C-alpha atoms as a PDB file:
ATOM      1  CA  MET A   1     -81.404   7.735  90.473  1.00  0.00           C
ATOM      2  CA  ILE A   2     -78.400   9.953  89.676  1.00  0.00           C
ATOM      3  CA  ARG A   3     -76.500   6.906  88.391  1.00  0.00           C
ATOM      4  CA  LYS A   4     -79.430   5.971  86.147  1.00  0.00           C
ATOM      5  CA  ILE A   5     -79.601   9.493  84.682  1.00  0.00           C
ATOM      6  CA  PHE A   6     -75.835   9.417  84.104  1.00  0.00           C
ATOM      7  CA  LEU A   7     -76.018   6.068  82.279  1.00  0.00           C
ATOM      8  CA  VAL A   8     -78.904   7.255  80.081  1.00  0.00           C
ATOM      9  CA  GLY A   9     -76.958  10.426  79.264  1.00  0.00           C
ATOM     10  CA  LEU A  10     -73.864   8.399  78.420  1.00  0.00           C
ATOM     11  CA  VAL A  11     -75.832   6.170  76.052  1.00  0.00           C
ATOM     12  CA  ILE A  12     -77.270   9.236  74.282  1.00  0.00           C
ATOM     13  CA  VAL A  13     -73.849  10.850  73.915  1.00  0.00           C
ATOM     14  CA  MET A  14     -72.388   7.630  72.494  1.00  0.00           C
ATOM     15  CA  ALA A  15     -75.270   7.278  70.040  1.00  0.00           C
ATOM     16  CA  LEU A  16     -74.867  10.877  68.845  1.00  0.00           C
ATOM     17  CA  GLY A  17     -71.136  10.339  68.496  1.00  0.00           C
ATOM     18  CA  ALA A  18     -71.689   7.243  66.365  1.00  0.00           C
ATOM     19  CA  VAL A  19     -74.060   9.168  64.094  1.00  0.00           C
ATOM     20  CA  ALA A  20     -71.565  12.005  63.755  1.00  0.00           C
ATOM     21  CA  LEU A  21     -68.729   9.622  62.939  1.00  0.00           C
ATOM     22  CA  GLY A  22     -70.857   7.919  60.316  1.00  0.00           C
ATOM     23  CA  ARG A  23     -71.187  11.211  58.430  1.00  0.00           C
ATOM     24  CA  TYR A  24     -67.488  11.764  57.980  1.00  0.00           C
ATOM     25  CA  PRO A  25     -64.735   9.666  56.469  1.00  0.00           C
ATOM     26  CA  ARG A  26     -62.565   7.856  58.948  1.00  0.00           C
ATOM     27  CA  PRO A  27     -59.185   9.509  59.482  1.00  0.00           C
ATOM     28  CA  ARG A  28     -56.265   8.234  57.463  1.00  0.00           C
ATOM     29  CA  ARG A  29     -53.736   6.083  59.194  1.00  0.00           C
ATOM     30  CA  ALA A  30     -50.218   7.440  59.185  1.00  0.00           C
ATOM     31  CA  GLY A  31     -48.391   6.892  55.930  1.00  0.00           C
ATOM     32  CA  GLN A  32     -51.434   6.057  53.829  1.00  0.00           C
ATOM     33  CA  SER A  33     -52.210   7.815  50.592  1.00  0.00           C
ATOM     34  CA  ALA A  34     -55.652   9.284  50.066  1.00  0.00           C
ATOM     35  CA  TYR A  35     -57.652  10.635  47.155  1.00  0.00           C
ATOM     36  CA  LEU A  36     -60.677  12.908  47.537  1.00  0.00           C
ATOM     37  CA  LEU A  37     -63.258  12.085  44.930  1.00  0.00           C
ATOM     38  CA  PRO A  38     -64.649  15.189  43.201  1.00  0.00           C
ATOM     39  CA  ALA A  39     -68.189  13.833  43.491  1.00  0.00           C
ATOM     40  CA  GLY A  40     -69.536  12.658  46.827  1.00  0.00           C
ATOM     41  CA  ASN A  41     -66.517  13.819  48.835  1.00  0.00           C
ATOM     42  CA  LYS A  42     -65.647  10.253  49.739  1.00  0.00           C
ATOM     43  CA  LEU A  43     -62.128   9.708  50.991  1.00  0.00           C
ATOM     44  CA  ILE A  44     -60.510   6.609  49.509  1.00  0.00           C
ATOM     45  CA  ASP A  45     -57.196   5.240  50.719  1.00  0.00           C
ATOM     46  CA  LEU A  46     -55.149   2.170  49.966  1.00  0.00           C
ATOM     47  CA  ALA A  47     -56.880   0.235  52.745  1.00  0.00           C
ATOM     48  CA  ASP A  48     -60.141   0.586  50.788  1.00  0.00           C
ATOM     49  CA  ILE A  49     -58.885  -1.030  47.590  1.00  0.00           C
ATOM     50  CA  LYS A  50     -60.712  -4.297  46.999  1.00  0.00           C
ATOM     51  CA  GLU A  51     -58.524  -7.171  45.930  1.00  0.00           C
ATOM     52  CA  ASP A  52     -58.719  -8.129  42.254  1.00  0.00           C
ATOM     53  CA  THR A  53     -60.895  -5.151  41.355  1.00  0.00           C
ATOM     54  CA  LEU A  54     -59.693  -2.725  38.690  1.00  0.00           C
ATOM     55  CA  LEU A  55     -60.377   0.786  39.965  1.00  0.00           C
ATOM     56  CA  PRO A  56     -61.360   3.539  37.544  1.00  0.00           C
ATOM     57  CA  ALA A  57     -58.766   6.302  37.370  1.00  0.00           C
ATOM     58  CA  THR A  58     -61.136   8.764  39.049  1.00  0.00           C
ATOM     59  CA  ALA A  59     -61.435   6.563  42.145  1.00  0.00           C
ATOM     60  CA  ALA A  60     -57.834   5.367  42.475  1.00  0.00           C
ATOM     61  CA  PRO A  61     -55.589   6.722  45.238  1.00  0.00           C
ATOM     62  CA  PRO A  62     -52.100   8.005  44.445  1.00  0.00           C
ATOM     63  CA  ALA A  63     -49.553   5.400  45.478  1.00  0.00           C
ATOM     64  CA  PRO A  64     -47.068   6.329  48.216  1.00  0.00           C
ATOM     65  CA  ASP A  65     -43.443   6.661  47.230  1.00  0.00           C
ATOM     66  CA  PHE A  66     -40.855   4.152  48.329  1.00  0.00           C
ATOM     67  CA  VAL A  67     -39.345   4.868  51.734  1.00  0.00           C
ATOM     68  CA  ALA A  68     -35.564   5.045  51.755  1.00  0.00           C
ATOM     69  CA  GLY A  69     -33.898   1.646  51.623  1.00  0.00           C
ATOM     70  CA  THR A  70     -30.983   0.059  49.789  1.00  0.00           C
ATOM     71  CA  TRP A  71     -31.592  -0.269  46.061  1.00  0.00           C
ATOM     72  CA  ILE A  72     -30.356  -3.372  44.279  1.00  0.00           C
ATOM     73  CA  ASN A  73     -29.972  -3.529  40.480  1.00  0.00           C
ATOM     74  CA  SER A  74     -30.556   0.219  40.115  1.00  0.00           C
ATOM     75  CA  GLU A  75     -30.048   3.695  41.462  1.00  0.00           C
ATOM     76  CA  PRO A  76     -32.779   4.901  43.859  1.00  0.00           C
ATOM     77  CA  VAL A  77     -36.121   5.296  42.099  1.00  0.00           C
ATOM     78  CA  LYS A  78     -38.938   7.738  42.876  1.00  0.00           C
ATOM     79  CA  LEU A  79     -42.449   7.269  41.540  1.00  0.00           C
ATOM     80  CA  ASP A  80     -42.344  10.755  39.998  1.00  0.00           C
ATOM     81  CA  GLN A  81     -39.541   9.518  37.747  1.00  0.00           C
ATOM     82  CA  LEU A  82     -41.820   6.781  36.447  1.00  0.00           C
ATOM     83  CA  ARG A  83     -44.711   8.982  35.318  1.00  0.00           C
ATOM     84  CA  GLY A  84     -45.841   7.858  31.906  1.00  0.00           C
ATOM     85  CA  ARG A  85     -45.011   4.218  32.718  1.00  0.00           C
ATOM     86  CA  VAL A  86     -47.165   1.521  34.273  1.00  0.00           C
ATOM     87  CA  VAL A  87     -45.563   0.351  37.520  1.00  0.00           C
ATOM     88  CA  LEU A  88     -45.985  -3.039  39.166  1.00  0.00           C
ATOM     89  CA  VAL A  89     -44.943  -3.032  42.817  1.00  0.00           C
ATOM     90  CA  GLU A  90     -44.449  -6.440  44.397  1.00  0.00           C
ATOM     91  CA  PHE A  91     -43.945  -6.876  48.131  1.00  0.00           C
ATOM     92  CA  TRP A  92     -41.934 -10.050  48.609  1.00  0.00           C
ATOM     93  CA  THR A  93     -39.144 -11.684  50.573  1.00  0.00           C
ATOM     94  CA  PHE A  94     -36.658 -14.248  49.335  1.00  0.00           C
ATOM     95  CA  ASP A  95     -37.425 -17.142  51.707  1.00  0.00           C
ATOM     96  CA  CYS A  96     -41.183 -16.906  51.134  1.00  0.00           C
ATOM     97  CA  TYR A  97     -42.445 -20.050  49.361  1.00  0.00           C
ATOM     98  CA  ASN A  98     -45.395 -18.210  47.798  1.00  0.00           C
ATOM     99  CA  CYS A  99     -43.099 -15.424  46.586  1.00  0.00           C
ATOM    100  CA  ARG A 100     -40.861 -18.009  44.914  1.00  0.00           C
ATOM    101  CA  ASN A 101     -43.894 -19.438  43.133  1.00  0.00           C
ATOM    102  CA  THR A 102     -44.934 -15.985  41.875  1.00  0.00           C
ATOM    103  CA  LEU A 103     -41.443 -14.938  40.796  1.00  0.00           C
ATOM    104  CA  PRO A 104     -41.267 -16.694  37.378  1.00  0.00           C
ATOM    105  CA  THR A 105     -44.432 -14.906  36.247  1.00  0.00           C
ATOM    106  CA  VAL A 106     -43.249 -11.502  37.498  1.00  0.00           C
ATOM    107  CA  LYS A 107     -39.903 -11.985  35.724  1.00  0.00           C
ATOM    108  CA  ASP A 108     -41.759 -12.962  32.565  1.00  0.00           C
ATOM    109  CA  TRP A 109     -43.821  -9.755  32.711  1.00  0.00           C
ATOM    110  CA  ASP A 110     -40.599  -7.783  33.058  1.00  0.00           C
ATOM    111  CA  LEU A 111     -39.232  -9.383  29.882  1.00  0.00           C
ATOM    112  CA  LYS A 112     -42.469  -9.024  27.912  1.00  0.00           C
ATOM    113  CA  TYR A 113     -43.523  -5.520  28.863  1.00  0.00           C
ATOM    114  CA  ARG A 114     -40.473  -3.514  29.977  1.00  0.00           C
ATOM    115  CA  GLU A 115     -39.892  -2.127  26.482  1.00  0.00           C
ATOM    116  CA  ARG A 116     -43.618  -1.431  26.144  1.00  0.00           C
ATOM    117  CA  GLY A 117     -43.716   0.797  29.221  1.00  0.00           C
ATOM    118  CA  LEU A 118     -43.850  -1.425  32.333  1.00  0.00           C
ATOM    119  CA  THR A 119     -41.508  -0.969  35.286  1.00  0.00           C
ATOM    120  CA  ILE A 120     -41.435  -3.580  38.034  1.00  0.00           C
ATOM    121  CA  ILE A 121     -40.205  -2.657  41.500  1.00  0.00           C
ATOM    122  CA  GLY A 122     -39.626  -5.395  44.063  1.00  0.00           C
ATOM    123  CA  VAL A 123     -40.023  -4.203  47.654  1.00  0.00           C
ATOM    124  CA  HIS A 124     -38.132  -6.721  49.794  1.00  0.00           C
ATOM    125  CA  THR A 125     -39.781  -6.683  53.207  1.00  0.00           C
ATOM    126  CA  PRO A 126     -38.101  -9.349  55.383  1.00  0.00           C
ATOM    127  CA  GLU A 127     -39.842 -11.919  57.543  1.00  0.00           C
ATOM    128  CA  THR A 128     -36.966 -14.022  58.953  1.00  0.00           C
ATOM    129  CA  ASP A 129     -33.723 -12.823  60.549  1.00  0.00           C
ATOM    130  CA  GLY A 130     -31.583 -13.819  57.563  1.00  0.00           C
ATOM    131  CA  GLU A 131     -33.743 -11.767  55.207  1.00  0.00           C
ATOM    132  CA  TYR A 132     -32.721  -8.554  56.993  1.00  0.00           C
ATOM    133  CA  VAL A 133     -29.079  -9.051  55.969  1.00  0.00           C
ATOM    134  CA  LEU A 134     -28.222  -6.963  52.903  1.00  0.00           C
ATOM    135  CA  ASP A 135     -25.576  -9.380  51.591  1.00  0.00           C
ATOM    136  CA  ASN A 136     -28.167 -12.171  51.662  1.00  0.00           C
ATOM    137  CA  VAL A 137     -30.647 -10.047  49.726  1.00  0.00           C
ATOM    138  CA  ARG A 138     -28.017  -9.148  47.115  1.00  0.00           C
ATOM    139  CA  ARG A 139     -27.021 -12.805  46.724  1.00  0.00           C
ATOM    140  CA  GLU A 140     -30.603 -14.036  46.384  1.00  0.00           C
ATOM    141  CA  VAL A 141     -31.592 -11.328  43.897  1.00  0.00           C
ATOM    142  CA  SER A 142     -28.627 -12.384  41.757  1.00  0.00           C
ATOM    143  CA  ASN A 143     -29.232 -16.129  42.184  1.00  0.00           C
ATOM    144  CA  LEU A 144     -32.922 -15.766  41.354  1.00  0.00           C
ATOM    145  CA  GLY A 145     -32.113 -13.872  38.154  1.00  0.00           C
ATOM    146  CA  ILE A 146     -34.077 -10.758  39.099  1.00  0.00           C
ATOM    147  CA  LYS A 147     -33.179  -7.930  36.706  1.00  0.00           C
ATOM    148  CA  TYR A 148     -35.688  -5.283  37.802  1.00  0.00           C
ATOM    149  CA  PRO A 149     -35.005  -2.872  40.692  1.00  0.00           C
ATOM    150  CA  VAL A 150     -35.399  -4.180  44.232  1.00  0.00           C
ATOM    151  CA  VAL A 151     -35.461  -1.958  47.320  1.00  0.00           C
ATOM    152  CA  THR A 152     -35.049  -3.186  50.895  1.00  0.00           C
ATOM    153  CA  ASP A 153     -37.795  -2.346  53.380  1.00  0.00           C
ATOM    154  CA  ASN A 154     -36.309  -3.572  56.651  1.00  0.00           C
ATOM    155  CA  ASP A 155     -38.291  -1.098  58.764  1.00  0.00           C
ATOM    156  CA  TYR A 156     -41.599  -2.016  57.061  1.00  0.00           C
ATOM    157  CA  LYS A 157     -42.220   1.648  56.254  1.00  0.00           C
ATOM    158  CA  THR A 158     -43.192   1.112  52.624  1.00  0.00           C
ATOM    159  CA  TRP A 159     -45.156  -2.008  53.622  1.00  0.00           C
ATOM    160  CA  LYS A 160     -47.179   0.055  56.111  1.00  0.00           C
ATOM    161  CA  ALA A 161     -47.651   2.945  53.680  1.00  0.00           C
ATOM    162  CA  TYR A 162     -49.247   0.514  51.206  1.00  0.00           C
ATOM    163  CA  ASN A 163     -51.263  -1.209  53.961  1.00  0.00           C
ATOM    164  CA  VAL A 164     -49.831  -4.615  53.001  1.00  0.00           C
ATOM    165  CA  GLN A 165     -50.995  -7.647  54.973  1.00  0.00           C
ATOM    166  CA  ALA A 166     -49.011 -10.592  53.571  1.00  0.00           C
ATOM    167  CA  TRP A 167     -46.387 -11.830  51.104  1.00  0.00           C
ATOM    168  CA  PRO A 168     -46.564 -11.582  48.176  1.00  0.00           C
ATOM    169  CA  THR A 169     -48.772  -8.588  47.421  1.00  0.00           C
ATOM    170  CA  ILE A 170     -48.874  -6.915  44.015  1.00  0.00           C
ATOM    171  CA  PHE A 171     -50.041  -3.406  43.178  1.00  0.00           C
ATOM    172  CA  VAL A 172     -50.357  -2.149  39.608  1.00  0.00           C
ATOM    173  CA  LEU A 173     -50.101   1.624  39.206  1.00  0.00           C
ATOM    174  CA  ASP A 174     -51.223   3.530  36.146  1.00  0.00           C
ATOM    175  CA  LYS A 175     -49.138   6.049  34.216  1.00  0.00           C
ATOM    176  CA  GLN A 176     -50.109   8.815  36.653  1.00  0.00           C
ATOM    177  CA  GLY A 177     -48.970   6.828  39.695  1.00  0.00           C
ATOM    178  CA  ARG A 178     -52.459   5.826  40.890  1.00  0.00           C
ATOM    179  CA  ALA A 179     -52.993   2.406  42.481  1.00  0.00           C
ATOM    180  CA  ARG A 180     -55.511   0.727  40.175  1.00  0.00           C
ATOM    181  CA  TRP A 181     -55.168  -2.981  41.080  1.00  0.00           C
ATOM    182  CA  MET A 182     -54.099  -5.074  44.042  1.00  0.00           C
ATOM    183  CA  HIS A 183     -53.677  -8.825  44.382  1.00  0.00           C
ATOM    184  CA  LEU A 184     -52.690 -10.743  47.492  1.00  0.00           C
ATOM    185  CA  GLY A 185     -50.866 -14.082  47.278  1.00  0.00           C
ATOM    186  CA  GLU A 186     -50.295 -16.404  44.373  1.00  0.00           C
ATOM    187  CA  GLY A 187     -52.484 -16.791  41.313  1.00  0.00           C
ATOM    188  CA  ARG A 188     -54.735 -14.525  39.237  1.00  0.00           C
ATOM    189  CA  TYR A 189     -51.848 -14.148  36.795  1.00  0.00           C
ATOM    190  CA  ASP A 190     -54.022 -13.822  33.710  1.00  0.00           C
ATOM    191  CA  GLU A 191     -56.190 -11.144  35.324  1.00  0.00           C
ATOM    192  CA  THR A 192     -53.155  -9.209  36.519  1.00  0.00           C
ATOM    193  CA  GLU A 193     -51.544  -9.399  33.092  1.00  0.00           C
ATOM    194  CA  GLY A 194     -54.813  -8.169  31.588  1.00  0.00           C
ATOM    195  CA  VAL A 195     -54.669  -5.135  33.894  1.00  0.00           C
ATOM    196  CA  ILE A 196     -51.062  -4.463  32.860  1.00  0.00           C
ATOM    197  CA  LYS A 197     -52.059  -4.515  29.182  1.00  0.00           C
ATOM    198  CA  LYS A 198     -55.109  -2.320  29.758  1.00  0.00           C
ATOM    199  CA  LEU A 199     -53.125   0.310  31.659  1.00  0.00           C
ATOM    200  CA  LEU A 200     -50.325   0.252  29.075  1.00  0.00           C
ATOM    201  CA  ALA A 201     -52.944   1.021  26.425  1.00  0.00           C
ATOM    202  CA  GLU A 202     -54.448   3.970  28.343  1.00  0.00           C
END
């Protein structure tokens, strides 16, 4: 009888706990950016961004800054320095077949839109042992003809801050540093370029 009462009490406590949790936003995971909407008090973080969906500025979370790594092709860059510019952040690694397929388009965007206000940052997050070696990264960036800044992310800290799941992943940030668009993998080039143009015009 006592055991039955205990089990019933446990079920009630769990049910009340589930109701209480449903009323409040889930806690942020470490390293994730969050934005509190003025209406509705809904907490939005990078994990909530839907792929291939352009977020309105009022709902877009501020993007995390880049965690310290080795910068290639530039001095270290902070997002605050890029205010007023649209920023495309691509998570990639040099041996990734899909990243290689995406690279010509990303380089083309750099050529077409850099002078119009776009900055591309490549975050090189390694997958294989050889991709952790700085000399290899430097050589491949040069061989691949990448002219935009690339930062190494050997500890996956920037990867985790952006809640990235796979290579390549692209984020497009607006001129205030808010993450407005995310695409995972190859393709959707026209849509992504359309977002770049829209945010440049804002």
